[in-house]
Amino acid sequence: MTEQDKPLLIKRYASRRLYNTETSDYVTLEDIAGFIREGREVQIVDLKTGDDLTRQYLLQIIAEHESRGENVLPVNVLNDLVRSYMVPGGGVMPQFLQSSFDMLRESQSKMMENMSAMNPMAKMPGFEAMKAQQEAFLKAMTGGLGTAGWTGGAPGEEKSEGGEDLDDIKKQLAALQEKLSKMK
């Protein structure tokens, strides 16, 4: 297992300070949110008791982002989450949420693969570096939801207002390819 595959171990001291065991320094909740946005899994444990506190801190990160006006979870979803705690046995909400996010990640990944396969610029030297930059930018802009540039619609769904459809994008890519070939 590579270093990136293992969860980043964060230890919480009695003083409630959080300690990154890989870099041997203290971190904040915002630092931990950054690790997660970069695609890293984290595990937060209490140093004294060994209790896993990951869930508690992830919920705290979400609550802080919501309180700053970064509303990601609609009120009706929050209401449904609260209701799911009232159902004996926890209901099906946790499994539903996990499946939904798994499908979202899979759809984003497939969309990126399909876009790369259709892109005539993919054979251009330096394209991979440019693609990596774009993915990092999109990841930063979407708060770590994924690197596929998901815009909120269903996978494969075209935007009806203000968005460009696939044919327009293909035409623009062809025009760019033509300009690049003239520059050589």
N, C-alpha and C. Protein backbone atom coordinates (compact mmCIF):
# COMPACT_ATOMS: atom_id res chain seq x y z
N MET A 1 0.86 -1.18 0.00
CA MET A 1 0.00 0.00 0.00
C MET A 1 0.89 1.23 0.00
N THR A 2 0.65 2.12 -0.95
CA THR A 2 1.47 3.32 -1.03
C THR A 2 1.07 4.31 0.05
N GLU A 3 1.92 5.28 0.26
CA GLU A 3 1.68 6.30 1.29
C GLU A 3 0.36 7.03 1.05
N GLN A 4 0.02 7.32 -0.23
CA GLN A 4 -1.20 8.04 -0.55
C GLN A 4 -2.44 7.16 -0.34
N ASP A 5 -2.30 5.82 -0.41
CA ASP A 5 -3.44 4.94 -0.24
C ASP A 5 -3.82 4.80 1.23
N LYS A 6 -2.85 4.91 2.12
CA LYS A 6 -3.13 4.80 3.55
C LYS A 6 -3.77 6.10 4.04
N PRO A 7 -4.71 5.98 4.97
CA PRO A 7 -5.27 7.22 5.53
C PRO A 7 -4.19 8.00 6.28
N LEU A 8 -4.25 9.30 6.17
CA LEU A 8 -3.35 10.18 6.90
C LEU A 8 -3.77 10.15 8.36
N LEU A 9 -2.88 9.75 9.24
CA LEU A 9 -3.22 9.63 10.65
C LEU A 9 -3.01 10.96 11.35
N ILE A 10 -4.09 11.45 11.94
CA ILE A 10 -4.07 12.68 12.72
C ILE A 10 -4.39 12.29 14.16
N LYS A 11 -3.54 12.72 15.07
CA LYS A 11 -3.78 12.41 16.49
C LYS A 11 -4.27 13.66 17.20
N ARG A 12 -5.30 13.46 18.04
CA ARG A 12 -5.81 14.56 18.83
C ARG A 12 -5.25 14.43 20.25
N TYR A 13 -4.56 15.47 20.67
CA TYR A 13 -3.99 15.49 22.02
C TYR A 13 -5.04 15.94 23.03
N ALA A 14 -4.74 15.77 24.31
CA ALA A 14 -5.65 16.17 25.38
C ALA A 14 -6.00 17.66 25.28
N SER A 15 -5.08 18.44 24.75
CA SER A 15 -5.31 19.88 24.58
C SER A 15 -6.23 20.18 23.39
N ARG A 16 -6.71 19.13 22.74
CA ARG A 16 -7.57 19.20 21.55
C ARG A 16 -6.83 19.64 20.29
N ARG A 17 -5.52 19.78 20.37
CA ARG A 17 -4.74 20.11 19.17
C ARG A 17 -4.61 18.87 18.32
N LEU A 18 -4.58 19.07 17.02
CA LEU A 18 -4.51 17.98 16.05
C LEU A 18 -3.10 17.89 15.49
N TYR A 19 -2.53 16.68 15.48
CA TYR A 19 -1.14 16.47 15.11
C TYR A 19 -1.05 15.55 13.90
N ASN A 20 -0.43 16.05 12.83
CA ASN A 20 -0.21 15.28 11.61
C ASN A 20 1.01 14.38 11.84
N THR A 21 0.80 13.07 11.83
CA THR A 21 1.90 12.14 12.14
C THR A 21 2.89 12.01 10.99
N GLU A 22 2.50 12.39 9.76
CA GLU A 22 3.42 12.29 8.63
C GLU A 22 4.41 13.44 8.59
N THR A 23 3.93 14.64 8.89
CA THR A 23 4.79 15.82 8.79
C THR A 23 5.27 16.31 10.15
N SER A 24 4.80 15.66 11.20
CA SER A 24 5.17 16.01 12.58
C SER A 24 4.91 17.48 12.90
N ASP A 25 3.70 17.92 12.56
CA ASP A 25 3.32 19.28 12.92
C ASP A 25 1.83 19.33 13.24
N TYR A 26 1.41 20.42 13.86
CA TYR A 26 0.01 20.59 14.20
C TYR A 26 -0.76 21.10 12.99
N VAL A 27 -2.01 20.67 12.89
CA VAL A 27 -2.85 21.07 11.77
C VAL A 27 -4.18 21.59 12.29
N THR A 28 -4.87 22.32 11.42
CA THR A 28 -6.19 22.86 11.75
C THR A 28 -7.24 22.06 10.99
N LEU A 29 -8.49 22.35 11.29
CA LEU A 29 -9.57 21.71 10.54
C LEU A 29 -9.51 22.09 9.07
N GLU A 30 -9.13 23.31 8.79
CA GLU A 30 -9.01 23.75 7.39
C GLU A 30 -7.91 22.97 6.67
N ASP A 31 -6.80 22.68 7.36
CA ASP A 31 -5.74 21.85 6.77
C ASP A 31 -6.28 20.47 6.44
N ILE A 32 -7.04 19.90 7.37
CA ILE A 32 -7.60 18.56 7.15
C ILE A 32 -8.57 18.58 5.97
N ALA A 33 -9.39 19.63 5.87
CA ALA A 33 -10.30 19.77 4.73
C ALA A 33 -9.50 19.84 3.43
N GLY A 34 -8.35 20.51 3.45
CA GLY A 34 -7.48 20.59 2.27
C GLY A 34 -6.94 19.23 1.88
N PHE A 35 -6.53 18.42 2.85
CA PHE A 35 -6.05 17.06 2.56
C PHE A 35 -7.14 16.26 1.87
N ILE A 36 -8.36 16.39 2.36
CA ILE A 36 -9.48 15.63 1.80
C ILE A 36 -9.79 16.11 0.39
N ARG A 37 -9.77 17.44 0.17
CA ARG A 37 -10.00 17.97 -1.18
C ARG A 37 -8.95 17.47 -2.17
N GLU A 38 -7.74 17.23 -1.68
CA GLU A 38 -6.66 16.71 -2.53
C GLU A 38 -6.83 15.22 -2.81
N GLY A 39 -7.86 14.60 -2.21
CA GLY A 39 -8.12 13.19 -2.46
C GLY A 39 -7.56 12.26 -1.40
N ARG A 40 -7.04 12.80 -0.34
CA ARG A 40 -6.44 11.99 0.72
C ARG A 40 -7.47 11.60 1.76
N GLU A 41 -7.47 10.36 2.18
CA GLU A 41 -8.31 9.92 3.28
C GLU A 41 -7.61 10.27 4.58
N VAL A 42 -8.37 10.61 5.60
CA VAL A 42 -7.79 10.92 6.90
C VAL A 42 -8.43 10.05 7.97
N GLN A 43 -7.68 9.82 9.01
CA GLN A 43 -8.20 9.14 10.19
C GLN A 43 -7.75 9.95 11.40
N ILE A 44 -8.70 10.35 12.22
CA ILE A 44 -8.39 11.17 13.40
C ILE A 44 -8.69 10.32 14.63
N VAL A 45 -7.67 10.14 15.45
CA VAL A 45 -7.83 9.32 16.65
C VAL A 45 -7.42 10.10 17.89
N ASP A 46 -8.08 9.79 19.01
CA ASP A 46 -7.73 10.39 20.28
C ASP A 46 -6.48 9.68 20.79
N LEU A 47 -5.44 10.44 21.11
CA LEU A 47 -4.16 9.87 21.53
C LEU A 47 -4.31 9.06 22.82
N LYS A 48 -5.08 9.56 23.75
CA LYS A 48 -5.19 8.91 25.06
C LYS A 48 -6.05 7.64 25.02
N THR A 49 -7.24 7.73 24.41
CA THR A 49 -8.18 6.61 24.42
C THR A 49 -8.09 5.72 23.20
N GLY A 50 -7.55 6.25 22.09
CA GLY A 50 -7.50 5.50 20.84
C GLY A 50 -8.81 5.51 20.08
N ASP A 51 -9.81 6.26 20.57
CA ASP A 51 -11.11 6.34 19.90
C ASP A 51 -10.96 7.00 18.54
N ASP A 52 -11.72 6.48 17.57
CA ASP A 52 -11.73 7.07 16.23
C ASP A 52 -12.68 8.26 16.25
N LEU A 53 -12.15 9.44 15.99
CA LEU A 53 -12.93 10.69 16.02
C LEU A 53 -13.16 11.25 14.62
N THR A 54 -12.84 10.48 13.60
CA THR A 54 -12.90 10.97 12.21
C THR A 54 -14.28 11.53 11.87
N ARG A 55 -15.32 10.75 12.13
CA ARG A 55 -16.68 11.17 11.77
C ARG A 55 -17.03 12.50 12.45
N GLN A 56 -16.71 12.62 13.72
CA GLN A 56 -17.00 13.84 14.49
C GLN A 56 -16.33 15.06 13.86
N TYR A 57 -15.07 14.92 13.47
CA TYR A 57 -14.34 16.06 12.91
C TYR A 57 -14.79 16.37 11.48
N LEU A 58 -15.13 15.34 10.70
CA LEU A 58 -15.63 15.61 9.35
C LEU A 58 -16.96 16.36 9.41
N LEU A 59 -17.83 15.97 10.33
CA LEU A 59 -19.08 16.70 10.51
C LEU A 59 -18.83 18.14 10.94
N GLN A 60 -17.82 18.33 11.77
CA GLN A 60 -17.48 19.69 12.22
C GLN A 60 -16.98 20.54 11.05
N ILE A 61 -16.19 19.94 10.15
CA ILE A 61 -15.70 20.65 8.97
C ILE A 61 -16.89 21.08 8.10
N ILE A 62 -17.83 20.15 7.90
CA ILE A 62 -19.02 20.47 7.09
C ILE A 62 -19.81 21.59 7.75
N ALA A 63 -20.02 21.50 9.07
CA ALA A 63 -20.78 22.52 9.79
C ALA A 63 -20.12 23.89 9.68
N GLU A 64 -18.80 23.94 9.77
CA GLU A 64 -18.10 25.22 9.65
C GLU A 64 -18.25 25.82 8.26
N HIS A 65 -18.17 24.99 7.23
CA HIS A 65 -18.34 25.49 5.87
C HIS A 65 -19.77 25.99 5.66
N GLU A 66 -20.73 25.26 6.18
CA GLU A 66 -22.13 25.67 6.06
C GLU A 66 -22.36 26.99 6.79
N SER A 67 -21.75 27.16 7.97
CA SER A 67 -21.97 28.39 8.75
C SER A 67 -21.33 29.61 8.10
N ARG A 68 -20.36 29.39 7.21
CA ARG A 68 -19.72 30.51 6.50
C ARG A 68 -20.46 30.85 5.21
N GLY A 69 -21.61 30.22 5.00
CA GLY A 69 -22.40 30.53 3.81
C GLY A 69 -22.07 29.65 2.62
N GLU A 70 -21.23 28.65 2.80
CA GLU A 70 -20.90 27.73 1.71
C GLU A 70 -21.91 26.59 1.75
N ASN A 71 -23.16 26.91 1.41
CA ASN A 71 -24.26 25.95 1.54
C ASN A 71 -24.20 24.90 0.45
N VAL A 72 -23.82 23.70 0.86
CA VAL A 72 -23.75 22.58 -0.06
C VAL A 72 -24.95 21.67 0.14
N LEU A 73 -25.38 21.54 1.37
CA LEU A 73 -26.49 20.65 1.69
C LEU A 73 -27.79 21.44 1.79
N PRO A 74 -28.73 21.18 0.90
CA PRO A 74 -30.01 21.88 0.97
C PRO A 74 -30.74 21.51 2.27
N VAL A 75 -31.59 22.40 2.73
CA VAL A 75 -32.31 22.20 3.99
C VAL A 75 -33.12 20.91 3.96
N ASN A 76 -33.75 20.60 2.83
CA ASN A 76 -34.56 19.37 2.78
C ASN A 76 -33.68 18.12 2.95
N VAL A 77 -32.45 18.15 2.46
CA VAL A 77 -31.53 17.02 2.66
C VAL A 77 -31.15 16.93 4.14
N LEU A 78 -30.86 18.07 4.75
CA LEU A 78 -30.53 18.08 6.18
C LEU A 78 -31.71 17.55 7.01
N ASN A 79 -32.93 17.95 6.65
CA ASN A 79 -34.12 17.43 7.34
C ASN A 79 -34.22 15.92 7.20
N ASP A 80 -33.96 15.42 5.99
CA ASP A 80 -34.01 13.97 5.77
C ASP A 80 -32.95 13.24 6.58
N LEU A 81 -31.77 13.85 6.70
CA LEU A 81 -30.72 13.25 7.51
C LEU A 81 -31.15 13.15 8.98
N VAL A 82 -31.72 14.24 9.49
CA VAL A 82 -32.19 14.23 10.88
C VAL A 82 -33.28 13.19 11.06
N ARG A 83 -34.20 13.11 10.10
CA ARG A 83 -35.28 12.11 10.18
C ARG A 83 -34.70 10.70 10.18
N SER A 84 -33.63 10.48 9.41
CA SER A 84 -33.07 9.13 9.32
C SER A 84 -32.51 8.67 10.67
N TYR A 85 -32.14 9.61 11.53
CA TYR A 85 -31.65 9.24 12.86
C TYR A 85 -32.81 8.79 13.75
N MET A 86 -34.03 9.17 13.41
CA MET A 86 -35.19 8.82 14.22
C MET A 86 -35.75 7.44 13.87
N VAL A 87 -35.33 6.90 12.73
CA VAL A 87 -35.82 5.59 12.30
C VAL A 87 -35.03 4.51 13.04
N PRO A 88 -35.74 3.55 13.65
CA PRO A 88 -35.01 2.46 14.33
C PRO A 88 -34.05 1.76 13.37
N GLY A 89 -32.83 1.56 13.80
CA GLY A 89 -31.83 0.91 12.96
C GLY A 89 -31.15 1.85 11.99
N GLY A 90 -31.49 3.12 11.99
CA GLY A 90 -30.81 4.09 11.14
C GLY A 90 -31.35 4.19 9.74
N GLY A 91 -32.30 3.34 9.38
CA GLY A 91 -32.89 3.42 8.05
C GLY A 91 -31.88 3.09 6.97
N VAL A 92 -32.18 3.50 5.77
CA VAL A 92 -31.34 3.20 4.62
C VAL A 92 -30.52 4.41 4.18
N MET A 93 -30.64 5.52 4.88
CA MET A 93 -29.97 6.75 4.47
C MET A 93 -28.46 6.60 4.30
N PRO A 94 -27.74 6.00 5.26
CA PRO A 94 -26.28 5.90 5.08
C PRO A 94 -25.89 5.12 3.82
N GLN A 95 -26.57 4.00 3.56
CA GLN A 95 -26.26 3.21 2.36
C GLN A 95 -26.62 3.98 1.09
N PHE A 96 -27.75 4.69 1.14
CA PHE A 96 -28.17 5.49 -0.01
C PHE A 96 -27.15 6.57 -0.33
N LEU A 97 -26.70 7.30 0.69
CA LEU A 97 -25.72 8.36 0.48
C LEU A 97 -24.42 7.79 -0.06
N GLN A 98 -23.96 6.69 0.50
CA GLN A 98 -22.70 6.08 0.03
C GLN A 98 -22.83 5.66 -1.42
N SER A 99 -23.93 5.01 -1.77
CA SER A 99 -24.15 4.58 -3.16
C SER A 99 -24.23 5.77 -4.10
N SER A 100 -24.91 6.82 -3.67
CA SER A 100 -25.04 8.02 -4.51
C SER A 100 -23.69 8.65 -4.80
N PHE A 101 -22.85 8.79 -3.77
CA PHE A 101 -21.53 9.38 -3.99
C PHE A 101 -20.63 8.47 -4.80
N ASP A 102 -20.76 7.16 -4.62
CA ASP A 102 -19.98 6.22 -5.44
C ASP A 102 -20.36 6.36 -6.91
N MET A 103 -21.67 6.44 -7.18
CA MET A 103 -22.13 6.62 -8.57
C MET A 103 -21.66 7.95 -9.14
N LEU A 104 -21.68 9.01 -8.33
CA LEU A 104 -21.22 10.32 -8.79
C LEU A 104 -19.76 10.27 -9.19
N ARG A 105 -18.92 9.69 -8.32
CA ARG A 105 -17.49 9.59 -8.64
C ARG A 105 -17.25 8.75 -9.89
N GLU A 106 -17.98 7.64 -10.02
CA GLU A 106 -17.82 6.77 -11.18
C GLU A 106 -18.25 7.49 -12.46
N SER A 107 -19.36 8.22 -12.40
CA SER A 107 -19.84 8.97 -13.57
C SER A 107 -18.85 10.05 -13.97
N GLN A 108 -18.29 10.75 -12.99
CA GLN A 108 -17.32 11.79 -13.28
C GLN A 108 -16.08 11.19 -13.94
N SER A 109 -15.64 10.08 -13.43
CA SER A 109 -14.46 9.42 -13.98
C SER A 109 -14.70 8.98 -15.42
N LYS A 110 -15.85 8.37 -15.67
CA LYS A 110 -16.18 7.93 -17.04
C LYS A 110 -16.30 9.11 -17.98
N MET A 111 -16.90 10.21 -17.50
CA MET A 111 -17.05 11.39 -18.34
C MET A 111 -15.67 11.93 -18.73
N MET A 112 -14.74 11.97 -17.78
CA MET A 112 -13.39 12.46 -18.09
C MET A 112 -12.71 11.55 -19.11
N GLU A 113 -12.87 10.24 -18.94
CA GLU A 113 -12.28 9.30 -19.90
C GLU A 113 -12.86 9.52 -21.29
N ASN A 114 -14.18 9.68 -21.38
CA ASN A 114 -14.83 9.89 -22.67
C ASN A 114 -14.40 11.20 -23.30
N MET A 115 -14.31 12.26 -22.51
CA MET A 115 -13.89 13.55 -23.05
C MET A 115 -12.45 13.48 -23.54
N SER A 116 -11.61 12.77 -22.83
CA SER A 116 -10.21 12.63 -23.24
C SER A 116 -10.11 11.85 -24.55
N ALA A 117 -10.92 10.81 -24.68
CA ALA A 117 -10.89 10.00 -25.90
C ALA A 117 -11.36 10.77 -27.11
N MET A 118 -12.34 11.69 -26.93
CA MET A 118 -12.87 12.47 -28.04
C MET A 118 -12.00 13.67 -28.38
N ASN A 119 -11.14 14.08 -27.49
CA ASN A 119 -10.38 15.31 -27.64
C ASN A 119 -9.26 15.15 -28.66
N PRO A 120 -9.29 15.87 -29.77
CA PRO A 120 -8.22 15.76 -30.77
C PRO A 120 -6.90 16.35 -30.26
N MET A 121 -6.96 17.16 -29.22
CA MET A 121 -5.73 17.76 -28.69
C MET A 121 -4.98 16.81 -27.76
N ALA A 122 -5.56 15.65 -27.46
CA ALA A 122 -4.96 14.73 -26.51
C ALA A 122 -3.60 14.23 -26.99
N LYS A 123 -3.37 14.25 -28.30
CA LYS A 123 -2.10 13.78 -28.84
C LYS A 123 -1.04 14.87 -28.88
N MET A 124 -1.43 16.09 -28.52
CA MET A 124 -0.53 17.24 -28.56
C MET A 124 0.50 17.15 -27.43
N PRO A 125 1.77 17.46 -27.71
CA PRO A 125 2.78 17.45 -26.64
C PRO A 125 2.41 18.44 -25.54
N GLY A 126 2.56 18.02 -24.30
CA GLY A 126 2.26 18.88 -23.16
C GLY A 126 0.81 18.87 -22.74
N PHE A 127 -0.01 18.09 -23.45
CA PHE A 127 -1.44 18.06 -23.14
C PHE A 127 -1.70 17.50 -21.74
N GLU A 128 -0.96 16.47 -21.36
CA GLU A 128 -1.17 15.85 -20.04
C GLU A 128 -0.93 16.85 -18.92
N ALA A 129 0.09 17.69 -19.05
CA ALA A 129 0.38 18.70 -18.02
C ALA A 129 -0.77 19.71 -17.95
N MET A 130 -1.25 20.13 -19.12
CA MET A 130 -2.36 21.08 -19.16
C MET A 130 -3.62 20.44 -18.56
N LYS A 131 -3.86 19.18 -18.86
CA LYS A 131 -5.02 18.47 -18.33
C LYS A 131 -4.93 18.37 -16.80
N ALA A 132 -3.74 18.08 -16.29
CA ALA A 132 -3.55 17.98 -14.84
C ALA A 132 -3.83 19.32 -14.17
N GLN A 133 -3.39 20.41 -14.80
CA GLN A 133 -3.67 21.74 -14.26
C GLN A 133 -5.16 22.02 -14.23
N GLN A 134 -5.86 21.67 -15.31
CA GLN A 134 -7.30 21.90 -15.38
C GLN A 134 -8.01 21.08 -14.31
N GLU A 135 -7.60 19.82 -14.13
CA GLU A 135 -8.24 18.97 -13.13
C GLU A 135 -8.02 19.53 -11.73
N ALA A 136 -6.81 20.02 -11.46
CA ALA A 136 -6.54 20.61 -10.14
C ALA A 136 -7.40 21.85 -9.93
N PHE A 137 -7.55 22.67 -10.97
CA PHE A 137 -8.38 23.86 -10.88
C PHE A 137 -9.84 23.49 -10.62
N LEU A 138 -10.35 22.53 -11.40
CA LEU A 138 -11.74 22.11 -11.23
C LEU A 138 -11.96 21.51 -9.85
N LYS A 139 -10.99 20.75 -9.38
CA LYS A 139 -11.10 20.15 -8.05
C LYS A 139 -11.17 21.23 -6.98
N ALA A 140 -10.35 22.25 -7.14
CA ALA A 140 -10.36 23.36 -6.18
C ALA A 140 -11.69 24.12 -6.24
N MET A 141 -12.21 24.31 -7.44
CA MET A 141 -13.44 25.08 -7.60
C MET A 141 -14.67 24.31 -7.14
N THR A 142 -14.64 22.97 -7.22
CA THR A 142 -15.80 22.18 -6.81
C THR A 142 -15.67 21.69 -5.39
N GLY A 143 -14.66 22.14 -4.68
CA GLY A 143 -14.52 21.77 -3.27
C GLY A 143 -14.19 20.31 -3.08
N GLY A 144 -13.52 19.66 -4.07
CA GLY A 144 -13.10 18.29 -3.89
C GLY A 144 -14.13 17.26 -4.27
N LEU A 145 -15.24 17.66 -4.85
CA LEU A 145 -16.23 16.67 -5.24
C LEU A 145 -15.68 15.72 -6.28
N GLY A 146 -14.75 16.14 -7.05
CA GLY A 146 -14.17 15.31 -8.09
C GLY A 146 -13.46 16.18 -9.08
N THR A 147 -12.80 15.53 -10.02
CA THR A 147 -12.02 16.30 -10.97
C THR A 147 -12.66 16.32 -12.34
N ALA A 148 -13.91 15.89 -12.43
CA ALA A 148 -14.53 15.78 -13.74
C ALA A 148 -15.22 17.05 -14.18
N GLY A 149 -15.24 18.07 -13.38
CA GLY A 149 -15.90 19.30 -13.78
C GLY A 149 -17.41 19.17 -13.78
N TRP A 150 -17.93 18.40 -12.87
CA TRP A 150 -19.36 18.19 -12.77
C TRP A 150 -20.06 19.51 -12.58
N THR A 151 -21.13 19.72 -13.32
CA THR A 151 -21.80 21.01 -13.28
C THR A 151 -23.18 20.92 -12.65
N GLY A 152 -23.51 19.80 -12.08
CA GLY A 152 -24.78 19.70 -11.39
C GLY A 152 -25.84 18.95 -12.15
N GLY A 153 -25.67 18.72 -13.44
CA GLY A 153 -26.65 17.98 -14.21
C GLY A 153 -26.34 16.50 -14.16
N ALA A 154 -27.22 15.72 -14.73
CA ALA A 154 -26.99 14.29 -14.78
C ALA A 154 -25.87 14.02 -15.76
N PRO A 155 -25.12 12.91 -15.57
CA PRO A 155 -24.04 12.60 -16.49
C PRO A 155 -24.57 12.52 -17.92
N GLY A 156 -23.91 13.17 -18.83
CA GLY A 156 -24.30 13.17 -20.23
C GLY A 156 -25.40 14.17 -20.56
N GLU A 157 -25.94 14.82 -19.55
CA GLU A 157 -27.01 15.78 -19.78
C GLU A 157 -26.42 17.10 -20.23
N GLU A 158 -27.00 17.66 -21.29
CA GLU A 158 -26.50 18.94 -21.77
C GLU A 158 -27.22 20.06 -21.05
N LYS A 159 -26.52 21.16 -20.86
CA LYS A 159 -27.16 22.33 -20.25
C LYS A 159 -28.11 22.94 -21.26
N SER A 160 -29.25 23.39 -20.77
CA SER A 160 -30.21 23.97 -21.70
C SER A 160 -30.08 25.48 -21.78
N GLU A 161 -29.61 26.12 -20.71
CA GLU A 161 -29.50 27.57 -20.72
C GLU A 161 -28.06 27.98 -20.49
N GLY A 162 -27.53 28.83 -21.34
CA GLY A 162 -26.22 29.43 -21.12
C GLY A 162 -25.06 28.48 -21.31
N GLY A 163 -25.29 27.19 -21.48
CA GLY A 163 -24.20 26.24 -21.63
C GLY A 163 -23.96 25.92 -23.08
N GLU A 164 -22.79 25.42 -23.38
CA GLU A 164 -22.49 25.04 -24.75
C GLU A 164 -22.72 23.56 -24.88
N ASP A 165 -23.31 23.15 -25.98
CA ASP A 165 -23.51 21.73 -26.14
C ASP A 165 -22.25 21.10 -26.73
N LEU A 166 -22.26 19.81 -26.81
CA LEU A 166 -21.09 19.05 -27.22
C LEU A 166 -20.62 19.41 -28.62
N ASP A 167 -21.54 19.69 -29.54
CA ASP A 167 -21.14 20.05 -30.90
C ASP A 167 -20.35 21.35 -30.93
N ASP A 168 -20.77 22.33 -30.13
CA ASP A 168 -20.04 23.59 -30.08
C ASP A 168 -18.63 23.38 -29.54
N ILE A 169 -18.54 22.54 -28.53
CA ILE A 169 -17.22 22.26 -27.94
C ILE A 169 -16.33 21.57 -28.97
N LYS A 170 -16.89 20.61 -29.70
CA LYS A 170 -16.11 19.92 -30.74
C LYS A 170 -15.63 20.90 -31.81
N LYS A 171 -16.51 21.83 -32.21
CA LYS A 171 -16.13 22.83 -33.21
C LYS A 171 -15.01 23.72 -32.69
N GLN A 172 -15.11 24.14 -31.42
CA GLN A 172 -14.07 24.98 -30.84
C GLN A 172 -12.75 24.23 -30.76
N LEU A 173 -12.80 22.97 -30.38
CA LEU A 173 -11.57 22.16 -30.32
C LEU A 173 -10.95 22.00 -31.70
N ALA A 174 -11.78 21.78 -32.71
CA ALA A 174 -11.28 21.65 -34.07
C ALA A 174 -10.63 22.95 -34.53
N ALA A 175 -11.25 24.08 -34.19
CA ALA A 175 -10.68 25.38 -34.56
C ALA A 175 -9.34 25.60 -33.86
N LEU A 176 -9.27 25.25 -32.60
CA LEU A 176 -8.00 25.36 -31.87
C LEU A 176 -6.93 24.46 -32.47
N GLN A 177 -7.32 23.24 -32.82
CA GLN A 177 -6.37 22.29 -33.43
C GLN A 177 -5.84 22.86 -34.74
N GLU A 178 -6.74 23.45 -35.52
CA GLU A 178 -6.33 24.03 -36.80
C GLU A 178 -5.36 25.19 -36.58
N LYS A 179 -5.65 26.05 -35.60
CA LYS A 179 -4.75 27.17 -35.30
C LYS A 179 -3.39 26.67 -34.85
N LEU A 180 -3.40 25.64 -34.01
CA LEU A 180 -2.12 25.08 -33.53
C LEU A 180 -1.31 24.47 -34.67
N SER A 181 -1.98 23.79 -35.60
CA SER A 181 -1.24 23.18 -36.70
C SER A 181 -0.65 24.25 -37.63
N LYS A 182 -1.32 25.41 -37.73
CA LYS A 182 -0.77 26.52 -38.55
C LYS A 182 0.42 27.17 -37.89
N MET A 183 0.52 27.07 -36.56
CA MET A 183 1.61 27.70 -35.84
C MET A 183 2.92 26.93 -35.97
N LYS A 184 2.85 25.66 -36.31
CA LYS A 184 4.05 24.82 -36.40
C LYS A 184 4.97 25.20 -37.48
